[in-house]
C-alpha cells in the first residue's frame, strides 16, 4: 500500500490525478439478447478489474508513460489505458 500511496501522491503533486475508485468483488452482468442476469463475484475469470484511476494527460502517449509507474506491475498485474470519449 505504501507504494500505491507514493505513486498516487506523486501524481497528485504533479496535478495529474483525477478520480478513481477500488471496485468491490461482486457485481452483476447483463448478457445476451435476453439480458440474463449473472451475479458475481466472478472468481473464475482470467482477468478482473480491481478498480480504476483517471490520469490527467495531454496525450495518450503521456498517459501510457504515466501508467508505467503503477505499482500493480510488481504483482504481475496489468493496466489498460484508454482515452475518454470526450477527447475525440
C-alpha atoms as a PDB file:
ATOM      1  CA  UNK A   1       0.000   0.000   0.000  1.00  0.00           C
ATOM      2  CA  UNK A   2       2.897   2.364   0.644  1.00  0.00           C
ATOM      3  CA  UNK A   3       3.972   2.104  -2.999  1.00  0.00           C
ATOM      4  CA  UNK A   4       0.417   2.895  -4.138  1.00  0.00           C
ATOM      5  CA  UNK A   5       0.209   5.910  -1.829  1.00  0.00           C
ATOM      6  CA  UNK A   6       3.585   7.147  -3.051  1.00  0.00           C
ATOM      7  CA  UNK A   7       2.661   6.772  -6.725  1.00  0.00           C
ATOM      8  CA  UNK A   8      -0.745   8.419  -6.303  1.00  0.00           C
ATOM      9  CA  UNK A   9       0.795  11.167  -4.149  1.00  0.00           C
ATOM     10  CA  UNK A  10       3.336  11.924  -6.879  1.00  0.00           C
ATOM     11  CA  UNK A  11       0.538  12.124  -9.459  1.00  0.00           C
ATOM     12  CA  UNK A  12      -1.419  14.453  -7.191  1.00  0.00           C
ATOM     13  CA  UNK A  13       1.632  16.684  -6.663  1.00  0.00           C
ATOM     14  CA  UNK A  14       2.017  16.949 -10.454  1.00  0.00           C
ATOM     15  CA  UNK A  15      -1.728  17.759 -10.836  1.00  0.00           C
ATOM     16  CA  UNK A  16      -2.159  14.578 -12.913  1.00  0.00           C
ATOM     17  CA  UNK A  17      -4.519  12.712 -10.586  1.00  0.00           C
ATOM     18  CA  UNK A  18      -8.191  12.509 -11.487  1.00  0.00           C
ATOM     19  CA  UNK A  19     -10.935  10.421  -9.934  1.00  0.00           C
ATOM     20  CA  UNK A  20     -10.591   6.734  -9.118  1.00  0.00           C
ATOM     21  CA  UNK A  21     -12.085   4.000  -7.002  1.00  0.00           C
ATOM     22  CA  UNK A  22     -11.440   0.454  -5.882  1.00  0.00           C
ATOM     23  CA  UNK A  23     -14.214  -1.838  -7.101  1.00  0.00           C
ATOM     24  CA  UNK A  24     -15.884  -4.462  -4.935  1.00  0.00           C
ATOM     25  CA  UNK A  25     -15.597  -8.144  -5.885  1.00  0.00           C
ATOM     26  CA  UNK A  26     -19.313  -8.673  -6.517  1.00  0.00           C
ATOM     27  CA  UNK A  27     -21.331  -7.398  -9.390  1.00  0.00           C
ATOM     28  CA  UNK A  28     -23.949  -8.229 -11.944  1.00  0.00           C
ATOM     29  CA  UNK A  29     -23.606  -8.754 -15.682  1.00  0.00           C
ATOM     30  CA  UNK A  30     -26.420  -8.458 -18.194  1.00  0.00           C
ATOM     31  CA  UNK A  31     -25.728 -10.902 -21.021  1.00  0.00           C
ATOM     32  CA  UNK A  32     -27.165 -11.881 -24.369  1.00  0.00           C
ATOM     33  CA  UNK A  33     -30.306 -10.920 -26.261  1.00  0.00           C
ATOM     34  CA  UNK A  34     -32.461 -11.898 -23.255  1.00  0.00           C
ATOM     35  CA  UNK A  35     -30.312  -9.714 -20.988  1.00  0.00           C
ATOM     36  CA  UNK A  36     -29.928 -12.548 -18.489  1.00  0.00           C
ATOM     37  CA  UNK A  37     -28.530 -11.558 -15.106  1.00  0.00           C
ATOM     38  CA  UNK A  38     -25.325 -13.219 -13.959  1.00  0.00           C
ATOM     39  CA  UNK A  39     -24.360 -12.373 -10.388  1.00  0.00           C
ATOM     40  CA  UNK A  40     -20.748 -12.204  -9.181  1.00  0.00           C
ATOM     41  CA  UNK A  41     -18.201 -12.450  -7.756  1.00  0.00           C
ATOM     42  CA  UNK A  42     -16.547 -13.697 -10.909  1.00  0.00           C
ATOM     43  CA  UNK A  43     -13.559 -15.541  -9.489  1.00  0.00           C
ATOM     44  CA  UNK A  44     -13.320 -17.901 -12.457  1.00  0.00           C
ATOM     45  CA  UNK A  45     -12.403 -15.076 -14.818  1.00  0.00           C
ATOM     46  CA  UNK A  46      -8.818 -14.895 -16.020  1.00  0.00           C
ATOM     47  CA  UNK A  47      -8.811 -11.111 -15.776  1.00  0.00           C
ATOM     48  CA  UNK A  48     -10.665  -8.938 -13.328  1.00  0.00           C
ATOM     49  CA  UNK A  49     -10.902  -5.187 -12.871  1.00  0.00           C
ATOM     50  CA  UNK A  50      -9.961  -4.215  -9.333  1.00  0.00           C
ATOM     51  CA  UNK A  51     -10.524  -0.511  -9.791  1.00  0.00           C
ATOM     52  CA  UNK A  52      -9.875   2.455 -11.996  1.00  0.00           C
ATOM     53  CA  UNK A  53      -7.845   5.634 -11.889  1.00  0.00           C
ATOM     54  CA  UNK A  54      -8.273   8.654 -14.129  1.00  0.00           C
ATOM     55  CA  UNK A  55      -4.961  10.221 -15.082  1.00  0.00           C
ATOM     56  CA  UNK A  56      -4.839  13.749 -16.473  1.00  0.00           C
ATOM     57  CA  UNK A  57      -2.556  13.697 -19.507  1.00  0.00           C
ATOM     58  CA  UNK A  58      -2.057  15.799 -22.608  1.00  0.00           C
ATOM     59  CA  UNK A  59      -1.934  12.769 -24.883  1.00  0.00           C
ATOM     60  CA  UNK A  60      -2.442   9.023 -24.914  1.00  0.00           C
ATOM     61  CA  UNK A  61       1.354   8.584 -25.026  1.00  0.00           C
ATOM     62  CA  UNK A  62       1.722  10.682 -21.873  1.00  0.00           C
ATOM     63  CA  UNK A  63      -0.957   8.592 -20.133  1.00  0.00           C
ATOM     64  CA  UNK A  64       0.849   5.389 -21.134  1.00  0.00           C
ATOM     65  CA  UNK A  65       4.133   6.714 -19.801  1.00  0.00           C
ATOM     66  CA  UNK A  66       2.446   7.719 -16.528  1.00  0.00           C
ATOM     67  CA  UNK A  67       0.855   4.270 -16.225  1.00  0.00           C
ATOM     68  CA  UNK A  68       4.312   2.660 -16.404  1.00  0.00           C
ATOM     69  CA  UNK A  69       4.873   3.850 -12.828  1.00  0.00           C
ATOM     70  CA  UNK A  70       1.862   1.967 -11.440  1.00  0.00           C
ATOM     71  CA  UNK A  71       2.768  -0.479  -8.638  1.00  0.00           C
ATOM     72  CA  UNK A  72       0.378  -3.151 -10.000  1.00  0.00           C
ATOM     73  CA  UNK A  73       3.160  -4.441 -12.279  1.00  0.00           C
ATOM     74  CA  UNK A  74       5.157  -5.610  -9.258  1.00  0.00           C
ATOM     75  CA  UNK A  75       2.482  -8.216  -8.514  1.00  0.00           C
ATOM     76  CA  UNK A  76       2.008  -9.346 -12.129  1.00  0.00           C
ATOM     77  CA  UNK A  77      -0.981  -7.092 -12.789  1.00  0.00           C
ATOM     78  CA  UNK A  78      -1.778  -5.074 -15.855  1.00  0.00           C
ATOM     79  CA  UNK A  79      -3.060  -1.619 -16.718  1.00  0.00           C
ATOM     80  CA  UNK A  80      -5.460  -0.767 -19.509  1.00  0.00           C
ATOM     81  CA  UNK A  81      -5.026   2.783 -20.804  1.00  0.00           C
ATOM     82  CA  UNK A  82      -7.989   4.359 -22.574  1.00  0.00           C
ATOM     83  CA  UNK A  83      -8.696   7.803 -23.886  1.00  0.00           C
ATOM     84  CA  UNK A  84     -12.026   9.274 -22.751  1.00  0.00           C
ATOM     85  CA  UNK A  85     -14.675   9.722 -25.440  1.00  0.00           C
ATOM     86  CA  UNK A  86     -14.947  13.456 -24.751  1.00  0.00           C
ATOM     87  CA  UNK A  87     -11.368  13.951 -26.026  1.00  0.00           C
ATOM     88  CA  UNK A  88     -12.411  12.946 -29.551  1.00  0.00           C
END
